PDB file of N, CA and C in Angstrom:
ATOM      1  N   MET A   1     136.610  91.716  89.231  1.00  0.00           N
ATOM      2  CA  MET A   1     135.611  92.389  90.023  1.00  0.00           C
ATOM      3  C   MET A   1     134.369  92.778  89.316  1.00  0.00           C
ATOM      4  N   THR A   2     133.266  92.526  89.786  1.00  0.00           N
ATOM      5  CA  THR A   2     131.984  92.873  89.203  1.00  0.00           C
ATOM      6  C   THR A   2     131.525  94.095  89.784  1.00  0.00           C
ATOM      7  N   THR A   3     131.236  95.218  88.842  1.00  0.00           N
ATOM      8  CA  THR A   3     130.585  96.316  89.479  1.00  0.00           C
ATOM      9  C   THR A   3     129.007  96.258  89.508  1.00  0.00           C
ATOM     10  N   LEU A   4     128.581  96.712  90.644  1.00  0.00           N
ATOM     11  CA  LEU A   4     127.081  96.703  90.923  1.00  0.00           C
ATOM     12  C   LEU A   4     126.526  97.771  90.188  1.00  0.00           C
ATOM     13  N   PRO A   5     125.271  97.692  89.615  1.00  0.00           N
ATOM     14  CA  PRO A   5     124.680  98.643  88.841  1.00  0.00           C
ATOM     15  C   PRO A   5     124.172  99.609  89.834  1.00  0.00           C
ATOM     16  N   ASP A   6     124.186 101.026  89.595  1.00  0.00           N
ATOM     17  CA  ASP A   6     123.747 101.943  90.332  1.00  0.00           C
ATOM     18  C   ASP A   6     122.124 102.179  90.228  1.00  0.00           C
ATOM     19  N   ARG A   7     121.545 102.853  91.036  1.00  0.00           N
ATOM     20  CA  ARG A   7     119.932 103.080  90.809  1.00  0.00           C
ATOM     21  C   ARG A   7     119.738 103.836  89.471  1.00  0.00           C
ATOM     22  N   ASP A   8     120.550 104.764  89.026  1.00  0.00           N
ATOM     23  CA  ASP A   8     120.251 105.329  87.791  1.00  0.00           C
ATOM     24  C   ASP A   8     120.262 104.611  86.568  1.00  0.00           C
ATOM     25  N   THR A   9     121.132 103.549  86.459  1.00  0.00           N
ATOM     26  CA  THR A   9     121.344 102.661  85.444  1.00  0.00           C
ATOM     27  C   THR A   9     119.883 101.740  85.579  1.00  0.00           C
ATOM     28  N   VAL A  10     119.650 101.269  86.612  1.00  0.00           N
ATOM     29  CA  VAL A  10     118.435 100.431  86.890  1.00  0.00           C
ATOM     30  C   VAL A  10     117.235 101.239  86.398  1.00  0.00           C
ATOM     31  N   ALA A  11     117.103 102.433  86.863  1.00  0.00           N
ATOM     32  CA  ALA A  11     115.873 103.222  86.515  1.00  0.00           C
ATOM     33  C   ALA A  11     115.851 103.519  85.105  1.00  0.00           C
ATOM     34  N   GLY A  12     116.954 103.756  84.398  1.00  0.00           N
ATOM     35  CA  GLY A  12     117.035 103.884  82.911  1.00  0.00           C
ATOM     36  C   GLY A  12     116.528 102.692  82.184  1.00  0.00           C
ATOM     37  N   LYS A  13     117.061 101.550  82.716  1.00  0.00           N
ATOM     38  CA  LYS A  13     116.524 100.293  82.065  1.00  0.00           C
ATOM     39  C   LYS A  13     115.147  99.934  82.209  1.00  0.00           C
ATOM     40  N   LEU A  14     114.523 100.324  83.343  1.00  0.00           N
ATOM     41  CA  LEU A  14     113.072 100.172  83.616  1.00  0.00           C
ATOM     42  C   LEU A  14     112.317 101.105  82.831  1.00  0.00           C
ATOM     43  N   ALA A  15     112.870 102.303  82.649  1.00  0.00           N
ATOM     44  CA  ALA A  15     112.127 103.328  81.868  1.00  0.00           C
ATOM     45  C   ALA A  15     112.037 102.928  80.368  1.00  0.00           C
ATOM     46  N   ALA A  16     113.080 102.385  79.884  1.00  0.00           N
ATOM     47  CA  ALA A  16     113.198 102.005  78.372  1.00  0.00           C
ATOM     48  C   ALA A  16     112.475 100.780  78.166  1.00  0.00           C
ATOM     49  N   LEU A  17     112.710  99.705  78.917  1.00  0.00           N
ATOM     50  CA  LEU A  17     112.102  98.479  78.841  1.00  0.00           C
ATOM     51  C   LEU A  17     112.213  97.783  77.420  1.00  0.00           C
ATOM     52  N   ALA A  18     113.351  97.972  76.685  1.00  0.00           N
ATOM     53  CA  ALA A  18     113.526  97.405  75.373  1.00  0.00           C
ATOM     54  C   ALA A  18     113.807  95.910  75.686  1.00  0.00           C
ATOM     55  N   ASP A  19     113.878  95.143  74.620  1.00  0.00           N
ATOM     56  CA  ASP A  19     114.319  93.667  74.762  1.00  0.00           C
ATOM     57  C   ASP A  19     115.550  93.520  75.458  1.00  0.00           C
ATOM     58  N   ALA A  20     116.735  94.281  75.149  1.00  0.00           N
ATOM     59  CA  ALA A  20     117.899  94.135  75.683  1.00  0.00           C
ATOM     60  C   ALA A  20     117.845  94.469  77.088  1.00  0.00           C
ATOM     61  N   ASP A  21     117.105  95.559  77.563  1.00  0.00           N
ATOM     62  CA  ASP A  21     116.873  95.945  78.867  1.00  0.00           C
ATOM     63  C   ASP A  21     116.135  94.905  79.735  1.00  0.00           C
ATOM     64  N   ARG A  22     115.129  94.216  79.165  1.00  0.00           N
ATOM     65  CA  ARG A  22     114.463  93.271  79.905  1.00  0.00           C
ATOM     66  C   ARG A  22     115.406  92.097  80.279  1.00  0.00           C
ATOM     67  N   SER A  23     116.234  91.641  79.261  1.00  0.00           N
ATOM     68  CA  SER A  23     117.208  90.591  79.527  1.00  0.00           C
ATOM     69  C   SER A  23     118.059  91.009  80.573  1.00  0.00           C
ATOM     70  N   TRP A  24     118.752  92.231  80.666  1.00  0.00           N
ATOM     71  CA  TRP A  24     119.642  92.788  81.545  1.00  0.00           C
ATOM     72  C   TRP A  24     118.952  92.638  82.884  1.00  0.00           C
ATOM     73  N   LEU A  25     117.660  93.153  83.108  1.00  0.00           N
ATOM     74  CA  LEU A  25     116.935  93.109  84.272  1.00  0.00           C
ATOM     75  C   LEU A  25     116.588  91.683  84.738  1.00  0.00           C
ATOM     76  N   GLU A  26     116.403  90.762  83.911  1.00  0.00           N
ATOM     77  CA  GLU A  26     116.047  89.372  84.329  1.00  0.00           C
ATOM     78  C   GLU A  26     117.388  88.805  84.873  1.00  0.00           C
ATOM     79  N   LEU A  27     118.521  89.197  84.239  1.00  0.00           N
ATOM     80  CA  LEU A  27     119.834  88.671  84.907  1.00  0.00           C
ATOM     81  C   LEU A  27     120.043  89.297  86.273  1.00  0.00           C
ATOM     82  N   LEU A  28     119.571  90.492  86.513  1.00  0.00           N
ATOM     83  CA  LEU A  28     119.767  91.229  87.648  1.00  0.00           C
ATOM     84  C   LEU A  28     118.939  90.540  88.707  1.00  0.00           C
ATOM     85  N   MET A  29     117.697  90.170  88.404  1.00  0.00           N
ATOM     86  CA  MET A  29     116.776  89.485  89.380  1.00  0.00           C
ATOM     87  C   MET A  29     117.177  88.153  89.674  1.00  0.00           C
ATOM     88  N   GLN A  30     118.110  87.586  89.033  1.00  0.00           N
ATOM     89  CA  GLN A  30     118.426  86.181  89.395  1.00  0.00           C
ATOM     90  C   GLN A  30     119.320  86.043  90.515  1.00  0.00           C
ATOM     91  N   ASN A  31     119.974  87.288  90.896  1.00  0.00           N
ATOM     92  CA  ASN A  31     120.960  87.414  92.001  1.00  0.00           C
ATOM     93  C   ASN A  31     120.236  88.050  93.122  1.00  0.00           C
ATOM     94  N   PRO A  32     119.904  87.428  94.273  1.00  0.00           N
ATOM     95  CA  PRO A  32     119.552  87.975  95.441  1.00  0.00           C
ATOM     96  C   PRO A  32     120.233  89.233  95.910  1.00  0.00           C
ATOM     97  N   VAL A  33     121.562  89.304  95.668  1.00  0.00           N
ATOM     98  CA  VAL A  33     122.408  90.302  96.168  1.00  0.00           C
ATOM     99  C   VAL A  33     122.123  91.717  95.393  1.00  0.00           C
ATOM    100  N   GLN A  34     121.448  91.489  94.322  1.00  0.00           N
ATOM    101  CA  GLN A  34     121.210  92.610  93.555  1.00  0.00           C
ATOM    102  C   GLN A  34     119.632  93.365  93.816  1.00  0.00           C
ATOM    103  N   ASP A  35     119.086  92.518  94.718  1.00  0.00           N
ATOM    104  CA  ASP A  35     117.593  93.097  94.989  1.00  0.00           C
ATOM    105  C   ASP A  35     117.528  94.564  95.361  1.00  0.00           C
ATOM    106  N   GLU A  36     118.328  95.033  96.291  1.00  0.00           N
ATOM    107  CA  GLU A  36     118.368  96.396  96.701  1.00  0.00           C
ATOM    108  C   GLU A  36     118.546  97.282  95.558  1.00  0.00           C
ATOM    109  N   HIS A  37     119.351  97.032  94.630  1.00  0.00           N
ATOM    110  CA  HIS A  37     119.775  97.866  93.489  1.00  0.00           C
ATOM    111  C   HIS A  37     118.498  97.972  92.492  1.00  0.00           C
ATOM    112  N   LEU A  38     117.951  96.892  92.324  1.00  0.00           N
ATOM    113  CA  LEU A  38     116.667  96.843  91.597  1.00  0.00           C
ATOM    114  C   LEU A  38     115.546  97.709  92.161  1.00  0.00           C
ATOM    115  N   LEU A  39     115.358  97.473  93.461  1.00  0.00           N
ATOM    116  CA  LEU A  39     114.306  98.204  94.126  1.00  0.00           C
ATOM    117  C   LEU A  39     114.646  99.740  94.260  1.00  0.00           C
ATOM    118  N   GLU A  40     115.935 100.158  94.456  1.00  0.00           N
ATOM    119  CA  GLU A  40     116.244 101.537  94.448  1.00  0.00           C
ATOM    120  C   GLU A  40     116.057 102.130  93.125  1.00  0.00           C
ATOM    121  N   GLY A  41     116.325 101.460  91.972  1.00  0.00           N
ATOM    122  CA  GLY A  41     116.014 101.856  90.589  1.00  0.00           C
ATOM    123  C   GLY A  41     114.596 101.992  90.412  1.00  0.00           C
ATOM    124  N   LEU A  42     113.942 101.103  90.865  1.00  0.00           N
ATOM    125  CA  LEU A  42     112.458 101.150  90.650  1.00  0.00           C
ATOM    126  C   LEU A  42     111.785 102.362  91.356  1.00  0.00           C
ATOM    127  N   ASN A  43     112.326 102.566  92.602  1.00  0.00           N
ATOM    128  CA  ASN A  43     111.868 103.789  93.223  1.00  0.00           C
ATOM    129  C   ASN A  43     112.119 105.110  92.635  1.00  0.00           C
ATOM    130  N   LEU A  44     113.423 105.243  92.093  1.00  0.00           N
ATOM    131  CA  LEU A  44     113.828 106.388  91.389  1.00  0.00           C
ATOM    132  C   LEU A  44     112.969 106.576  90.046  1.00  0.00           C
ATOM    133  N   HIS A  45     112.767 105.422  89.332  1.00  0.00           N
ATOM    134  CA  HIS A  45     111.959 105.470  88.216  1.00  0.00           C
ATOM    135  C   HIS A  45     110.533 105.957  88.425  1.00  0.00           C
ATOM    136  N   LEU A  46     109.951 105.520  89.372  1.00  0.00           N
ATOM    137  CA  LEU A  46     108.492 106.055  89.823  1.00  0.00           C
ATOM    138  C   LEU A  46     108.523 107.320  90.457  1.00  0.00           C
ATOM    139  N   ASP A  47     109.610 107.736  91.181  1.00  0.00           N
ATOM    140  CA  ASP A  47     109.602 109.178  91.637  1.00  0.00           C
ATOM    141  C   ASP A  47     109.771 110.126  90.312  1.00  0.00           C
ATOM    142  N   THR A  48     110.776 109.800  89.390  1.00  0.00           N
ATOM    143  CA  THR A  48     110.856 110.463  88.225  1.00  0.00           C
ATOM    144  C   THR A  48     109.608 110.672  87.360  1.00  0.00           C
ATOM    145  N   ALA A  49     108.865 109.589  87.369  1.00  0.00           N
ATOM    146  CA  ALA A  49     107.606 109.569  86.693  1.00  0.00           C
ATOM    147  C   ALA A  49     106.544 110.496  87.410  1.00  0.00           C
ATOM    148  N   SER A  50     106.657 110.466  88.689  1.00  0.00           N
ATOM    149  CA  SER A  50     105.674 111.287  89.509  1.00  0.00           C
ATOM    150  C   SER A  50     106.008 112.779  89.244  1.00  0.00           C
ATOM    151  N   GLY A  51     107.219 113.003  89.094  1.00  0.00           N
ATOM    152  CA  GLY A  51     107.625 114.544  88.945  1.00  0.00           C
ATOM    153  C   GLY A  51     107.444 115.067  87.578  1.00  0.00           C
ATOM    154  N   GLY A  52     107.283 114.179  86.528  1.00  0.00           N
ATOM    155  CA  GLY A  52     107.236 114.597  85.160  1.00  0.00           C
ATOM    156  C   GLY A  52     106.093 115.401  84.639  1.00  0.00           C
ATOM    157  N   ARG A  53     106.095 116.033  83.613  1.00  0.00           N
ATOM    158  CA  ARG A  53     104.930 116.974  83.194  1.00  0.00           C
ATOM    159  C   ARG A  53     103.988 115.919  82.523  1.00  0.00           C
ATOM    160  N   PHE A  54     104.297 114.758  81.947  1.00  0.00           N
ATOM    161  CA  PHE A  54     103.457 113.850  81.414  1.00  0.00           C
ATOM    162  C   PHE A  54     103.557 112.540  82.054  1.00  0.00           C
ATOM    163  N   LEU A  55     102.399 111.980  82.355  1.00  0.00           N
ATOM    164  CA  LEU A  55     102.398 110.587  82.899  1.00  0.00           C
ATOM    165  C   LEU A  55     102.067 109.651  82.050  1.00  0.00           C
ATOM    166  N   ASN A  56     102.850 108.597  81.572  1.00  0.00           N
ATOM    167  CA  ASN A  56     102.379 107.536  80.659  1.00  0.00           C
ATOM    168  C   ASN A  56     102.006 106.347  81.527  1.00  0.00           C
ATOM    169  N   SER A  57     100.729 106.478  81.949  1.00  0.00           N
ATOM    170  CA  SER A  57     100.232 105.429  82.887  1.00  0.00           C
ATOM    171  C   SER A  57     100.125 104.015  82.270  1.00  0.00           C
ATOM    172  N   LEU A  58     100.085 103.817  80.828  1.00  0.00           N
ATOM    173  CA  LEU A  58      99.913 102.548  80.322  1.00  0.00           C
ATOM    174  C   LEU A  58     101.292 101.888  80.310  1.00  0.00           C
ATOM    175  N   LYS A  59     102.357 102.589  80.151  1.00  0.00           N
ATOM    176  CA  LYS A  59     103.686 102.211  80.256  1.00  0.00           C
ATOM    177  C   LYS A  59     104.086 101.779  81.588  1.00  0.00           C
ATOM    178  N   LEU A  60     103.616 102.558  82.712  1.00  0.00           N
ATOM    179  CA  LEU A  60     103.862 102.152  84.048  1.00  0.00           C
ATOM    180  C   LEU A  60     103.158 100.860  84.473  1.00  0.00           C
ATOM    181  N   GLU A  61     101.949 100.838  83.765  1.00  0.00           N
ATOM    182  CA  GLU A  61     101.121  99.548  84.151  1.00  0.00           C
ATOM    183  C   GLU A  61     101.736  98.367  83.486  1.00  0.00           C
ATOM    184  N   LYS A  62     102.239  98.612  82.262  1.00  0.00           N
ATOM    185  CA  LYS A  62     102.883  97.427  81.680  1.00  0.00           C
ATOM    186  C   LYS A  62     104.372  97.047  82.349  1.00  0.00           C
ATOM    187  N   LEU A  63     104.932  98.005  82.957  1.00  0.00           N
ATOM    188  CA  LEU A  63     106.060  97.699  83.621  1.00  0.00           C
ATOM    189  C   LEU A  63     105.753  96.882  84.916  1.00  0.00           C
ATOM    190  N   GLY A  64     104.751  97.250  85.573  1.00  0.00           N
ATOM    191  CA  GLY A  64     104.181  96.461  86.873  1.00  0.00           C
ATOM    192  C   GLY A  64     103.846  95.064  86.348  1.00  0.00           C
ATOM    193  N   GLU A  65     103.088  95.091  85.128  1.00  0.00           N
ATOM    194  CA  GLU A  65     102.698  93.604  84.894  1.00  0.00           C
ATOM    195  C   GLU A  65     103.889  92.801  84.567  1.00  0.00           C
ATOM    196  N   TRP A  66     104.843  93.471  83.831  1.00  0.00           N
ATOM    197  CA  TRP A  66     106.129  92.651  83.486  1.00  0.00           C
ATOM    198  C   TRP A  66     106.778  92.194  84.588  1.00  0.00           C
ATOM    199  N   LEU A  67     107.057  93.117  85.630  1.00  0.00           N
ATOM    200  CA  LEU A  67     107.740  92.692  86.781  1.00  0.00           C
ATOM    201  C   LEU A  67     107.088  91.710  87.611  1.00  0.00           C
ATOM    202  N   GLY A  68     105.679  91.918  87.624  1.00  0.00           N
ATOM    203  CA  GLY A  68     105.027  90.732  88.375  1.00  0.00           C
ATOM    204  C   GLY A  68     105.106  89.428  87.802  1.00  0.00           C
ATOM    205  N   GLU A  69     105.195  89.424  86.358  1.00  0.00           N
ATOM    206  CA  GLU A  69     105.215  88.096  85.862  1.00  0.00           C
ATOM    207  C   GLU A  69     106.737  87.605  85.767  1.00  0.00           C
ATOM    208  N   THR A  70     107.637  88.379  85.834  1.00  0.00           N
ATOM    209  CA  THR A  70     109.094  88.033  85.691  1.00  0.00           C
ATOM    210  C   THR A  70     109.855  87.834  86.943  1.00  0.00           C
ATOM    211  N   ALA A  71     109.510  88.733  87.861  1.00  0.00           N
ATOM    212  CA  ALA A  71     110.402  88.701  89.235  1.00  0.00           C
ATOM    213  C   ALA A  71     110.213  87.457  89.951  1.00  0.00           C
ATOM    214  N   PRO A  72     111.241  87.009  90.509  1.00  0.00           N
ATOM    215  CA  PRO A  72     111.077  85.736  91.355  1.00  0.00           C
ATOM    216  C   PRO A  72     110.134  86.033  92.643  1.00  0.00           C
ATOM    217  N   SER A  73     109.759  85.073  93.239  1.00  0.00           N
ATOM    218  CA  SER A  73     108.821  85.042  94.425  1.00  0.00           C
ATOM    219  C   SER A  73     109.292  85.961  95.404  1.00  0.00           C
ATOM    220  N   ARG A  74     110.706  85.886  95.789  1.00  0.00           N
ATOM    221  CA  ARG A  74     111.324  86.604  96.797  1.00  0.00           C
ATOM    222  C   ARG A  74     111.087  87.969  96.758  1.00  0.00           C
ATOM    223  N   LEU A  75     110.870  88.490  95.494  1.00  0.00           N
ATOM    224  CA  LEU A  75     110.678  89.908  95.176  1.00  0.00           C
ATOM    225  C   LEU A  75     109.196  90.462  95.264  1.00  0.00           C
ATOM    226  N   GLN A  76     108.254  89.609  95.119  1.00  0.00           N
ATOM    227  CA  GLN A  76     106.859  89.935  94.959  1.00  0.00           C
ATOM    228  C   GLN A  76     106.453  90.917  96.057  1.00  0.00           C
ATOM    229  N   ILE A  77     106.531  90.572  97.320  1.00  0.00           N
ATOM    230  CA  ILE A  77     106.111  91.361  98.331  1.00  0.00           C
ATOM    231  C   ILE A  77     106.815  92.799  98.283  1.00  0.00           C
ATOM    232  N   ARG A  78     108.123  92.789  98.119  1.00  0.00           N
ATOM    233  CA  ARG A  78     108.851  94.049  98.024  1.00  0.00           C
ATOM    234  C   ARG A  78     108.411  94.879  96.886  1.00  0.00           C
ATOM    235  N   LEU A  79     108.044  94.385  95.742  1.00  0.00           N
ATOM    236  CA  LEU A  79     107.472  95.081  94.624  1.00  0.00           C
ATOM    237  C   LEU A  79     106.189  95.753  95.005  1.00  0.00           C
ATOM    238  N   MET A  80     105.336  95.036  95.678  1.00  0.00           N
ATOM    239  CA  MET A  80     103.991  95.657  96.157  1.00  0.00           C
ATOM    240  C   MET A  80     104.264  96.615  97.141  1.00  0.00           C
ATOM    241  N   GLU A  81     105.347  96.499  98.108  1.00  0.00           N
ATOM    242  CA  GLU A  81     105.644  97.629  98.935  1.00  0.00           C
ATOM    243  C   GLU A  81     105.879  98.887  98.292  1.00  0.00           C
ATOM    244  N   VAL A  82     106.755  98.716  97.151  1.00  0.00           N
ATOM    245  CA  VAL A  82     107.041  99.970  96.422  1.00  0.00           C
ATOM    246  C   VAL A  82     105.939 100.679  95.791  1.00  0.00           C
ATOM    247  N   ALA A  83     105.171  99.529  95.077  1.00  0.00           N
ATOM    248  CA  ALA A  83     103.816 100.063  94.483  1.00  0.00           C
ATOM    249  C   ALA A  83     102.967 100.963  95.478  1.00  0.00           C
ATOM    250  N   ARG A  84     102.825 100.495  96.704  1.00  0.00           N
ATOM    251  CA  ARG A  84     101.996 101.032  97.662  1.00  0.00           C
ATOM    252  C   ARG A  84     102.724 102.227  98.427  1.00  0.00           C
ATOM    253  N   SER A  85     103.926 102.551  98.133  1.00  0.00           N
ATOM    254  CA  SER A  85     104.666 103.521  98.895  1.00  0.00           C
ATOM    255  C   SER A  85     104.226 105.001  98.610  1.00  0.00           C
ATOM    256  N   GLY A  86     103.609 105.224  97.545  1.00  0.00           N
ATOM    257  CA  GLY A  86     103.128 106.529  97.018  1.00  0.00           C
ATOM    258  C   GLY A  86     101.722 106.529  96.594  1.00  0.00           C
ATOM    259  N   GLN A  87     101.168 107.639  96.745  1.00  0.00           N
ATOM    260  CA  GLN A  87      99.757 107.886  96.233  1.00  0.00           C
ATOM    261  C   GLN A  87      99.554 108.496  94.903  1.00  0.00           C
ATOM    262  N   HIS A  88     100.882 108.880  94.360  1.00  0.00           N
ATOM    263  CA  HIS A  88     100.728 109.492  93.066  1.00  0.00           C
ATOM    264  C   HIS A  88     100.248 108.542  91.987  1.00  0.00           C
ATOM    265  N   ALA A  89      99.727 109.146  90.936  1.00  0.00           N
ATOM    266  CA  ALA A  89      99.061 108.170  89.888  1.00  0.00           C
ATOM    267  C   ALA A  89     100.247 107.336  89.265  1.00  0.00           C
ATOM    268  N   ALA A  90     101.525 107.635  89.271  1.00  0.00           N
ATOM    269  CA  ALA A  90     102.526 106.802  88.908  1.00  0.00           C
ATOM    270  C   ALA A  90     102.541 105.492  89.629  1.00  0.00           C
ATOM    271  N   HIS A  91     102.405 105.519  90.866  1.00  0.00           N
ATOM    272  CA  HIS A  91     102.489 104.363  91.776  1.00  0.00           C
ATOM    273  C   HIS A  91     101.208 103.626  91.596  1.00  0.00           C
ATOM    274  N   GLN A  92     100.022 104.320  91.405  1.00  0.00           N
ATOM    275  CA  GLN A  92      98.784 103.672  91.192  1.00  0.00           C
ATOM    276  C   GLN A  92      98.816 102.819  89.919  1.00  0.00           C
ATOM    277  N   ALA A  93      99.276 103.276  88.891  1.00  0.00           N
ATOM    278  CA  ALA A  93      99.415 102.739  87.558  1.00  0.00           C
ATOM    279  C   ALA A  93     100.281 101.539  87.664  1.00  0.00           C
ATOM    280  N   PHE A  94     101.473 101.685  88.261  1.00  0.00           N
ATOM    281  CA  PHE A  94     102.453 100.504  88.542  1.00  0.00           C
ATOM    282  C   PHE A  94     101.721  99.411  89.338  1.00  0.00           C
ATOM    283  N   ARG A  95     101.025  99.856  90.315  1.00  0.00           N
ATOM    284  CA  ARG A  95     100.279  98.823  91.198  1.00  0.00           C
ATOM    285  C   ARG A  95      99.324  98.145  90.406  1.00  0.00           C
ATOM    286  N   ALA A  96      98.629  98.809  89.575  1.00  0.00           N
ATOM    287  CA  ALA A  96      97.417  98.199  88.895  1.00  0.00           C
ATOM    288  C   ALA A  96      98.114  97.152  87.988  1.00  0.00           C
ATOM    289  N   GLY A  97      99.182  97.375  87.296  1.00  0.00           N
ATOM    290  CA  GLY A  97      99.799  96.273  86.407  1.00  0.00           C
ATOM    291  C   GLY A  97     100.335  95.197  87.371  1.00  0.00           C
ATOM    292  N   LEU A  98     100.938  95.540  88.389  1.00  0.00           N
ATOM    293  CA  LEU A  98     101.537  94.373  89.310  1.00  0.00           C
ATOM    294  C   LEU A  98     100.440  93.497  89.767  1.00  0.00           C
ATOM    295  N   VAL A  99      99.180  94.091  90.188  1.00  0.00           N
ATOM    296  CA  VAL A  99      98.097  93.366  90.736  1.00  0.00           C
ATOM    297  C   VAL A  99      97.571  92.425  89.517  1.00  0.00           C
ATOM    298  N   ARG A 100      97.407  93.034  88.346  1.00  0.00           N
ATOM    299  CA  ARG A 100      96.882  92.254  87.282  1.00  0.00           C
ATOM    300  C   ARG A 100      97.861  91.155  86.836  1.00  0.00           C
ATOM    301  N   SER A 101      99.143  91.237  87.009  1.00  0.00           N
ATOM    302  CA  SER A 101     100.064  90.121  86.765  1.00  0.00           C
ATOM    303  C   SER A 101      99.851  88.756  87.656  1.00  0.00           C
ATOM    304  N   GLY A 102      99.238  88.973  88.855  1.00  0.00           N
ATOM    305  CA  GLY A 102      99.013  87.887  89.682  1.00  0.00           C
ATOM    306  C   GLY A 102     100.363  87.323  90.286  1.00  0.00           C
ATOM    307  N   GLY A 103     101.429  88.106  90.317  1.00  0.00           N
ATOM    308  CA  GLY A 103     102.673  87.677  90.729  1.00  0.00           C
ATOM    309  C   GLY A 103     102.671  87.299  92.273  1.00  0.00           C
ATOM    310  N   LEU A 104     102.030  88.201  92.930  1.00  0.00           N
ATOM    311  CA  LEU A 104     102.116  88.063  94.432  1.00  0.00           C
ATOM    312  C   LEU A 104     101.074  86.820  94.680  1.00  0.00           C
ATOM    313  N   GLN A 105      99.985  86.555  94.064  1.00  0.00           N
ATOM    314  CA  GLN A 105      99.346  85.236  94.386  1.00  0.00           C
ATOM    315  C   GLN A 105     100.016  84.063  94.018  1.00  0.00           C
ATOM    316  N   ARG A 106     100.773  84.075  92.848  1.00  0.00           N
ATOM    317  CA  ARG A 106     101.540  82.918  92.632  1.00  0.00           C
ATOM    318  C   ARG A 106     102.702  82.656  93.494  1.00  0.00           C
ATOM    319  N   ALA A 107     103.307  83.692  93.949  1.00  0.00           N
ATOM    320  CA  ALA A 107     104.287  83.499  95.076  1.00  0.00           C
ATOM    321  C   ALA A 107     103.761  83.082  96.294  1.00  0.00           C
ATOM    322  N   TYR A 108     102.640  83.404  96.655  1.00  0.00           N
ATOM    323  CA  TYR A 108     102.024  83.124  97.947  1.00  0.00           C
ATOM    324  C   TYR A 108     100.627  82.752  97.848  1.00  0.00           C
ATOM    325  N   PRO A 109     100.294  81.608  97.243  1.00  0.00           N
ATOM    326  CA  PRO A 109      99.011  81.201  96.949  1.00  0.00           C
ATOM    327  C   PRO A 109      98.138  80.887  98.406  1.00  0.00           C
ATOM    328  N   GLU A 110      96.837  81.265  98.265  1.00  0.00           N
ATOM    329  CA  GLU A 110      95.968  81.091  99.500  1.00  0.00           C
ATOM    330  C   GLU A 110      95.874  79.517  99.649  1.00  0.00           C
ATOM    331  N   VAL A 111      95.856  79.322 100.992  1.00  0.00           N
ATOM    332  CA  VAL A 111      95.848  77.712 101.351  1.00  0.00           C
ATOM    333  C   VAL A 111      94.359  77.352 101.477  1.00  0.00           C
TER     334      VAL A 111
END
């Protein structure tokens, strides 16, 4: 039996984003069954960043850029929905990186 990651585990991996965490997240994104866990963890990570005393905008931008470049096409719209779900600077920084990655345009090119 395989245990599904909880949102706290995913949020922790997104916050750290070390090489081992990236590999783990890439494996998670390969399985569509795990999409909700990834998005719940991302929401928790952005909410935690929003409530913190210090906002590391550059790190959030890099996370958005990495996810935009790495996530499969099926996740690109949902990632953008998460990025647009809040007006806090944490969401804005994540969205800036996501847009810079061009993932949404690659997933759904203009005809």
